[in-house]
Amino acid sequence: MDTTIQISKELRQELQGRKFQAKESYESVIWDLIEDTMELSEETKRELAEARKEIKSGKAKSLAQVKKELGL
């Protein structure tokens, strides 16, 4: 059974960018994303959530910042 869903232009562009081949369906892209998240352990999910919090709070440094600090 096929169902039509509404998505934003931004989401459509994001899905388009995740295609491995031009003719790949959005369904295939979505299944790949779902599969990726299913394979993550609970510990990894917690670590990712913590890393996202650190980035949002400004605790993380960009690669450019680190290079500058190291004089590279």
PDB file of N, CA and C in Angstrom:
ATOM      1  N   MET A   1       0.835  -1.164   0.000  1.00  0.00           N
ATOM      2  CA  MET A   1       0.000   0.000   0.000  1.00  0.00           C
ATOM      3  C   MET A   1       0.892   1.243   0.000  1.00  0.00           C
ATOM      4  N   ASP A   2       0.641   2.167  -0.870  1.00  0.00           N
ATOM      5  CA  ASP A   2       1.376   3.421  -0.931  1.00  0.00           C
ATOM      6  C   ASP A   2       0.596   4.512  -0.225  1.00  0.00           C
ATOM      7  N   THR A   3       1.334   5.385   0.436  1.00  0.00           N
ATOM      8  CA  THR A   3       0.752   6.521   1.123  1.00  0.00           C
ATOM      9  C   THR A   3       1.554   7.757   0.775  1.00  0.00           C
ATOM     10  N   THR A   4       0.877   8.856   0.595  1.00  0.00           N
ATOM     11  CA  THR A   4       1.548  10.122   0.328  1.00  0.00           C
ATOM     12  C   THR A   4       1.699  10.868   1.641  1.00  0.00           C
ATOM     13  N   ILE A   5       2.888  11.432   1.863  1.00  0.00           N
ATOM     14  CA  ILE A   5       3.121  12.236   3.057  1.00  0.00           C
ATOM     15  C   ILE A   5       3.606  13.618   2.646  1.00  0.00           C
ATOM     16  N   GLN A   6       3.360  14.597   3.498  1.00  0.00           N
ATOM     17  CA  GLN A   6       3.841  15.943   3.231  1.00  0.00           C
ATOM     18  C   GLN A   6       5.127  16.168   4.022  1.00  0.00           C
ATOM     19  N   ILE A   7       6.134  16.715   3.338  1.00  0.00           N
ATOM     20  CA  ILE A   7       7.385  17.061   3.995  1.00  0.00           C
ATOM     21  C   ILE A   7       7.791  18.462   3.549  1.00  0.00           C
ATOM     22  N   SER A   8       8.614  19.094   4.338  1.00  0.00           N
ATOM     23  CA  SER A   8       9.067  20.445   4.004  1.00  0.00           C
ATOM     24  C   SER A   8      10.093  20.397   2.869  1.00  0.00           C
ATOM     25  N   LYS A   9      10.319  21.545   2.259  1.00  0.00           N
ATOM     26  CA  LYS A   9      11.337  21.638   1.219  1.00  0.00           C
ATOM     27  C   LYS A   9      12.707  21.287   1.780  1.00  0.00           C
ATOM     28  N   GLU A  10      12.956  21.728   3.021  1.00  0.00           N
ATOM     29  CA  GLU A  10      14.249  21.459   3.649  1.00  0.00           C
ATOM     30  C   GLU A  10      14.482  19.963   3.834  1.00  0.00           C
ATOM     31  N   LEU A  11      13.446  19.249   4.285  1.00  0.00           N
ATOM     32  CA  LEU A  11      13.583  17.804   4.465  1.00  0.00           C
ATOM     33  C   LEU A  11      13.777  17.118   3.126  1.00  0.00           C
ATOM     34  N   ARG A  12      13.034  17.551   2.139  1.00  0.00           N
ATOM     35  CA  ARG A  12      13.176  16.963   0.804  1.00  0.00           C
ATOM     36  C   ARG A  12      14.603  17.149   0.287  1.00  0.00           C
ATOM     37  N   GLN A  13      15.164  18.343   0.493  1.00  0.00           N
ATOM     38  CA  GLN A  13      16.539  18.604   0.062  1.00  0.00           C
ATOM     39  C   GLN A  13      17.524  17.727   0.834  1.00  0.00           C
ATOM     40  N   GLU A  14      17.271  17.560   2.124  1.00  0.00           N
ATOM     41  CA  GLU A  14      18.147  16.711   2.942  1.00  0.00           C
ATOM     42  C   GLU A  14      18.098  15.265   2.453  1.00  0.00           C
ATOM     43  N   LEU A  15      16.902  14.765   2.192  1.00  0.00           N
ATOM     44  CA  LEU A  15      16.767  13.397   1.682  1.00  0.00           C
ATOM     45  C   LEU A  15      17.420  13.261   0.309  1.00  0.00           C
ATOM     46  N   GLN A  16      17.242  14.264  -0.517  1.00  0.00           N
ATOM     47  CA  GLN A  16      17.856  14.258  -1.849  1.00  0.00           C
ATOM     48  C   GLN A  16      19.381  14.152  -1.718  1.00  0.00           C
ATOM     49  N   GLY A  17      19.940  14.893  -0.775  1.00  0.00           N
ATOM     50  CA  GLY A  17      21.387  14.884  -0.570  1.00  0.00           C
ATOM     51  C   GLY A  17      21.924  13.575  -0.025  1.00  0.00           C
ATOM     52  N   ARG A  18      21.058  12.773   0.557  1.00  0.00           N
ATOM     53  CA  ARG A  18      21.493  11.496   1.129  1.00  0.00           C
ATOM     54  C   ARG A  18      21.371  10.328   0.157  1.00  0.00           C
ATOM     55  N   LYS A  19      20.866  10.600  -1.014  1.00  0.00           N
ATOM     56  CA  LYS A  19      20.752   9.538  -2.015  1.00  0.00           C
ATOM     57  C   LYS A  19      22.136   9.131  -2.509  1.00  0.00           C
ATOM     58  N   PHE A  20      22.341   7.832  -2.668  1.00  0.00           N
ATOM     59  CA  PHE A  20      23.593   7.334  -3.220  1.00  0.00           C
ATOM     60  C   PHE A  20      23.566   7.370  -4.741  1.00  0.00           C
ATOM     61  N   GLN A  21      22.382   7.244  -5.307  1.00  0.00           N
ATOM     62  CA  GLN A  21      22.184   7.285  -6.752  1.00  0.00           C
ATOM     63  C   GLN A  21      21.007   8.205  -7.045  1.00  0.00           C
ATOM     64  N   ALA A  22      21.051   8.874  -8.189  1.00  0.00           N
ATOM     65  CA  ALA A  22      19.991   9.821  -8.546  1.00  0.00           C
ATOM     66  C   ALA A  22      18.613   9.164  -8.580  1.00  0.00           C
ATOM     67  N   LYS A  23      18.549   7.913  -9.009  1.00  0.00           N
ATOM     68  CA  LYS A  23      17.253   7.236  -9.147  1.00  0.00           C
ATOM     69  C   LYS A  23      16.798   6.533  -7.867  1.00  0.00           C
ATOM     70  N   GLU A  24      17.580   6.628  -6.809  1.00  0.00           N
ATOM     71  CA  GLU A  24      17.205   5.987  -5.547  1.00  0.00           C
ATOM     72  C   GLU A  24      15.932   6.635  -5.005  1.00  0.00           C
ATOM     73  N   SER A  25      15.037   5.839  -4.471  1.00  0.00           N
ATOM     74  CA  SER A  25      13.772   6.367  -3.958  1.00  0.00           C
ATOM     75  C   SER A  25      13.965   6.971  -2.571  1.00  0.00           C
ATOM     76  N   TYR A  26      13.067   7.894  -2.230  1.00  0.00           N
ATOM     77  CA  TYR A  26      13.095   8.459  -0.887  1.00  0.00           C
ATOM     78  C   TYR A  26      12.814   7.378   0.148  1.00  0.00           C
ATOM     79  N   GLU A  27      11.986   6.421  -0.194  1.00  0.00           N
ATOM     80  CA  GLU A  27      11.705   5.328   0.728  1.00  0.00           C
ATOM     81  C   GLU A  27      12.989   4.590   1.083  1.00  0.00           C
ATOM     82  N   SER A  28      13.816   4.336   0.099  1.00  0.00           N
ATOM     83  CA  SER A  28      15.085   3.659   0.340  1.00  0.00           C
ATOM     84  C   SER A  28      15.984   4.478   1.262  1.00  0.00           C
ATOM     85  N   VAL A  29      16.024   5.781   1.035  1.00  0.00           N
ATOM     86  CA  VAL A  29      16.828   6.670   1.882  1.00  0.00           C
ATOM     87  C   VAL A  29      16.313   6.631   3.318  1.00  0.00           C
ATOM     88  N   ILE A  30      15.003   6.700   3.491  1.00  0.00           N
ATOM     89  CA  ILE A  30      14.405   6.686   4.826  1.00  0.00           C
ATOM     90  C   ILE A  30      14.680   5.360   5.524  1.00  0.00           C
ATOM     91  N   TRP A  31      14.541   4.249   4.812  1.00  0.00           N
ATOM     92  CA  TRP A  31      14.834   2.943   5.415  1.00  0.00           C
ATOM     93  C   TRP A  31      16.291   2.864   5.855  1.00  0.00           C
ATOM     94  N   ASP A  32      17.207   3.403   5.048  1.00  0.00           N
ATOM     95  CA  ASP A  32      18.628   3.414   5.429  1.00  0.00           C
ATOM     96  C   ASP A  32      18.834   4.200   6.719  1.00  0.00           C
ATOM     97  N   LEU A  33      18.157   5.339   6.834  1.00  0.00           N
ATOM     98  CA  LEU A  33      18.272   6.148   8.047  1.00  0.00           C
ATOM     99  C   LEU A  33      17.718   5.409   9.264  1.00  0.00           C
ATOM    100  N   ILE A  34      16.586   4.766   9.100  1.00  0.00           N
ATOM    101  CA  ILE A  34      15.984   3.999  10.194  1.00  0.00           C
ATOM    102  C   ILE A  34      16.910   2.859  10.603  1.00  0.00           C
ATOM    103  N   GLU A  35      17.448   2.180   9.625  1.00  0.00           N
ATOM    104  CA  GLU A  35      18.354   1.067   9.903  1.00  0.00           C
ATOM    105  C   GLU A  35      19.579   1.553  10.671  1.00  0.00           C
ATOM    106  N   ASP A  36      20.117   2.698  10.278  1.00  0.00           N
ATOM    107  CA  ASP A  36      21.289   3.249  10.956  1.00  0.00           C
ATOM    108  C   ASP A  36      21.012   3.499  12.431  1.00  0.00           C
ATOM    109  N   THR A  37      19.845   4.049  12.748  1.00  0.00           N
ATOM    110  CA  THR A  37      19.539   4.350  14.145  1.00  0.00           C
ATOM    111  C   THR A  37      19.231   3.086  14.939  1.00  0.00           C
ATOM    112  N   MET A  38      18.733   2.073  14.306  1.00  0.00           N
ATOM    113  CA  MET A  38      18.423   0.829  14.994  1.00  0.00           C
ATOM    114  C   MET A  38      19.696   0.102  15.411  1.00  0.00           C
ATOM    115  N   GLU A  39      20.774   0.334  14.677  1.00  0.00           N
ATOM    116  CA  GLU A  39      22.019  -0.371  14.949  1.00  0.00           C
ATOM    117  C   GLU A  39      22.823   0.260  16.077  1.00  0.00           C
ATOM    118  N   LEU A  40      22.456   1.452  16.506  1.00  0.00           N
ATOM    119  CA  LEU A  40      23.198   2.115  17.563  1.00  0.00           C
ATOM    120  C   LEU A  40      22.842   1.509  18.918  1.00  0.00           C
ATOM    121  N   SER A  41      23.858   1.279  19.716  1.00  0.00           N
ATOM    122  CA  SER A  41      23.607   0.767  21.062  1.00  0.00           C
ATOM    123  C   SER A  41      23.037   1.890  21.919  1.00  0.00           C
ATOM    124  N   GLU A  42      22.459   1.537  23.031  1.00  0.00           N
ATOM    125  CA  GLU A  42      21.911   2.535  23.949  1.00  0.00           C
ATOM    126  C   GLU A  42      23.030   3.442  24.462  1.00  0.00           C
ATOM    127  N   GLU A  43      24.198   2.868  24.711  1.00  0.00           N
ATOM    128  CA  GLU A  43      25.329   3.665  25.177  1.00  0.00           C
ATOM    129  C   GLU A  43      25.732   4.699  24.125  1.00  0.00           C
ATOM    130  N   THR A  44      25.786   4.286  22.874  1.00  0.00           N
ATOM    131  CA  THR A  44      26.146   5.206  21.790  1.00  0.00           C
ATOM    132  C   THR A  44      25.117   6.308  21.670  1.00  0.00           C
ATOM    133  N   LYS A  45      23.852   5.961  21.793  1.00  0.00           N
ATOM    134  CA  LYS A  45      22.789   6.964  21.722  1.00  0.00           C
ATOM    135  C   LYS A  45      22.947   7.992  22.837  1.00  0.00           C
ATOM    136  N   ARG A  46      23.280   7.535  24.045  1.00  0.00           N
ATOM    137  CA  ARG A  46      23.492   8.452  25.169  1.00  0.00           C
ATOM    138  C   ARG A  46      24.692   9.357  24.904  1.00  0.00           C
ATOM    139  N   GLU A  47      25.760   8.769  24.376  1.00  0.00           N
ATOM    140  CA  GLU A  47      26.964   9.549  24.083  1.00  0.00           C
ATOM    141  C   GLU A  47      26.705  10.595  23.003  1.00  0.00           C
ATOM    142  N   LEU A  48      25.936  10.237  21.997  1.00  0.00           N
ATOM    143  CA  LEU A  48      25.585  11.190  20.945  1.00  0.00           C
ATOM    144  C   LEU A  48      24.737  12.329  21.501  1.00  0.00           C
ATOM    145  N   ALA A  49      23.799  12.001  22.355  1.00  0.00           N
ATOM    146  CA  ALA A  49      22.947  13.030  22.962  1.00  0.00           C
ATOM    147  C   ALA A  49      23.795  13.982  23.799  1.00  0.00           C
ATOM    148  N   GLU A  50      24.740  13.437  24.560  1.00  0.00           N
ATOM    149  CA  GLU A  50      25.623  14.273  25.374  1.00  0.00           C
ATOM    150  C   GLU A  50      26.498  15.161  24.490  1.00  0.00           C
ATOM    151  N   ALA A  51      27.020  14.613  23.414  1.00  0.00           N
ATOM    152  CA  ALA A  51      27.847  15.392  22.494  1.00  0.00           C
ATOM    153  C   ALA A  51      27.045  16.529  21.871  1.00  0.00           C
ATOM    154  N   ARG A  52      25.797  16.262  21.504  1.00  0.00           N
ATOM    155  CA  ARG A  52      24.943  17.317  20.944  1.00  0.00           C
ATOM    156  C   ARG A  52      24.729  18.442  21.964  1.00  0.00           C
ATOM    157  N   LYS A  53      24.529  18.077  23.229  1.00  0.00           N
ATOM    158  CA  LYS A  53      24.354  19.076  24.282  1.00  0.00           C
ATOM    159  C   LYS A  53      25.610  19.929  24.418  1.00  0.00           C
ATOM    160  N   GLU A  54      26.770  19.285  24.374  1.00  0.00           N
ATOM    161  CA  GLU A  54      28.028  20.013  24.497  1.00  0.00           C
ATOM    162  C   GLU A  54      28.221  20.986  23.338  1.00  0.00           C
ATOM    163  N   ILE A  55      27.877  20.553  22.158  1.00  0.00           N
ATOM    164  CA  ILE A  55      28.006  21.423  20.980  1.00  0.00           C
ATOM    165  C   ILE A  55      27.088  22.625  21.120  1.00  0.00           C
ATOM    166  N   LYS A  56      25.834  22.378  21.496  1.00  0.00           N
ATOM    167  CA  LYS A  56      24.861  23.466  21.646  1.00  0.00           C
ATOM    168  C   LYS A  56      25.259  24.447  22.743  1.00  0.00           C
ATOM    169  N   SER A  57      25.912  23.952  23.785  1.00  0.00           N
ATOM    170  CA  SER A  57      26.298  24.824  24.895  1.00  0.00           C
ATOM    171  C   SER A  57      27.617  25.545  24.636  1.00  0.00           C
ATOM    172  N   GLY A  58      28.252  25.257  23.516  1.00  0.00           N
ATOM    173  CA  GLY A  58      29.491  25.943  23.163  1.00  0.00           C
ATOM    174  C   GLY A  58      30.742  25.310  23.739  1.00  0.00           C
ATOM    175  N   LYS A  59      30.640  24.118  24.293  1.00  0.00           N
ATOM    176  CA  LYS A  59      31.803  23.450  24.872  1.00  0.00           C
ATOM    177  C   LYS A  59      32.716  22.831  23.809  1.00  0.00           C
ATOM    178  N   ALA A  60      32.192  22.592  22.628  1.00  0.00           N
ATOM    179  CA  ALA A  60      32.976  21.976  21.558  1.00  0.00           C
ATOM    180  C   ALA A  60      33.748  23.042  20.793  1.00  0.00           C
ATOM    181  N   LYS A  61      34.845  22.622  20.169  1.00  0.00           N
ATOM    182  CA  LYS A  61      35.653  23.534  19.359  1.00  0.00           C
ATOM    183  C   LYS A  61      35.657  23.030  17.922  1.00  0.00           C
ATOM    184  N   SER A  62      35.713  23.963  17.003  1.00  0.00           N
ATOM    185  CA  SER A  62      35.782  23.587  15.594  1.00  0.00           C
ATOM    186  C   SER A  62      37.194  23.116  15.271  1.00  0.00           C
ATOM    187  N   LEU A  63      37.342  22.418  14.166  1.00  0.00           N
ATOM    188  CA  LEU A  63      38.659  21.979  13.718  1.00  0.00           C
ATOM    189  C   LEU A  63      39.568  23.184  13.498  1.00  0.00           C
ATOM    190  N   ALA A  64      39.023  24.256  12.955  1.00  0.00           N
ATOM    191  CA  ALA A  64      39.815  25.471  12.718  1.00  0.00           C
ATOM    192  C   ALA A  64      40.330  26.035  14.042  1.00  0.00           C
ATOM    193  N   GLN A  65      39.501  26.027  15.089  1.00  0.00           N
ATOM    194  CA  GLN A  65      39.932  26.527  16.401  1.00  0.00           C
ATOM    195  C   GLN A  65      41.071  25.689  16.967  1.00  0.00           C
ATOM    196  N   VAL A  66      40.942  24.387  16.860  1.00  0.00           N
ATOM    197  CA  VAL A  66      41.968  23.467  17.384  1.00  0.00           C
ATOM    198  C   VAL A  66      43.275  23.668  16.615  1.00  0.00           C
ATOM    199  N   LYS A  67      43.197  23.768  15.286  1.00  0.00           N
ATOM    200  CA  LYS A  67      44.400  23.991  14.491  1.00  0.00           C
ATOM    201  C   LYS A  67      45.092  25.290  14.893  1.00  0.00           C
ATOM    202  N   LYS A  68      44.290  26.321  15.107  1.00  0.00           N
ATOM    203  CA  LYS A  68      44.848  27.626  15.495  1.00  0.00           C
ATOM    204  C   LYS A  68      45.558  27.511  16.837  1.00  0.00           C
ATOM    205  N   GLU A  69      44.916  26.841  17.794  1.00  0.00           N
ATOM    206  CA  GLU A  69      45.520  26.681  19.113  1.00  0.00           C
ATOM    207  C   GLU A  69      46.813  25.874  19.053  1.00  0.00           C
ATOM    208  N   LEU A  70      46.877  24.915  18.133  1.00  0.00           N
ATOM    209  CA  LEU A  70      48.071  24.086  18.001  1.00  0.00           C
ATOM    210  C   LEU A  70      49.105  24.694  17.065  1.00  0.00           C
ATOM    211  N   GLY A  71      48.763  25.819  16.459  1.00  0.00           N
ATOM    212  CA  GLY A  71      49.689  26.480  15.547  1.00  0.00           C
ATOM    213  C   GLY A  71      49.862  25.745  14.227  1.00  0.00           C
ATOM    214  N   LEU A  72      48.841  25.065  13.792  1.00  0.00           N
ATOM    215  CA  LEU A  72      48.908  24.319  12.527  1.00  0.00           C
ATOM    216  C   LEU A  72      48.330  25.111  11.376  1.00  0.00           C
TER     217      LEU A  72
END
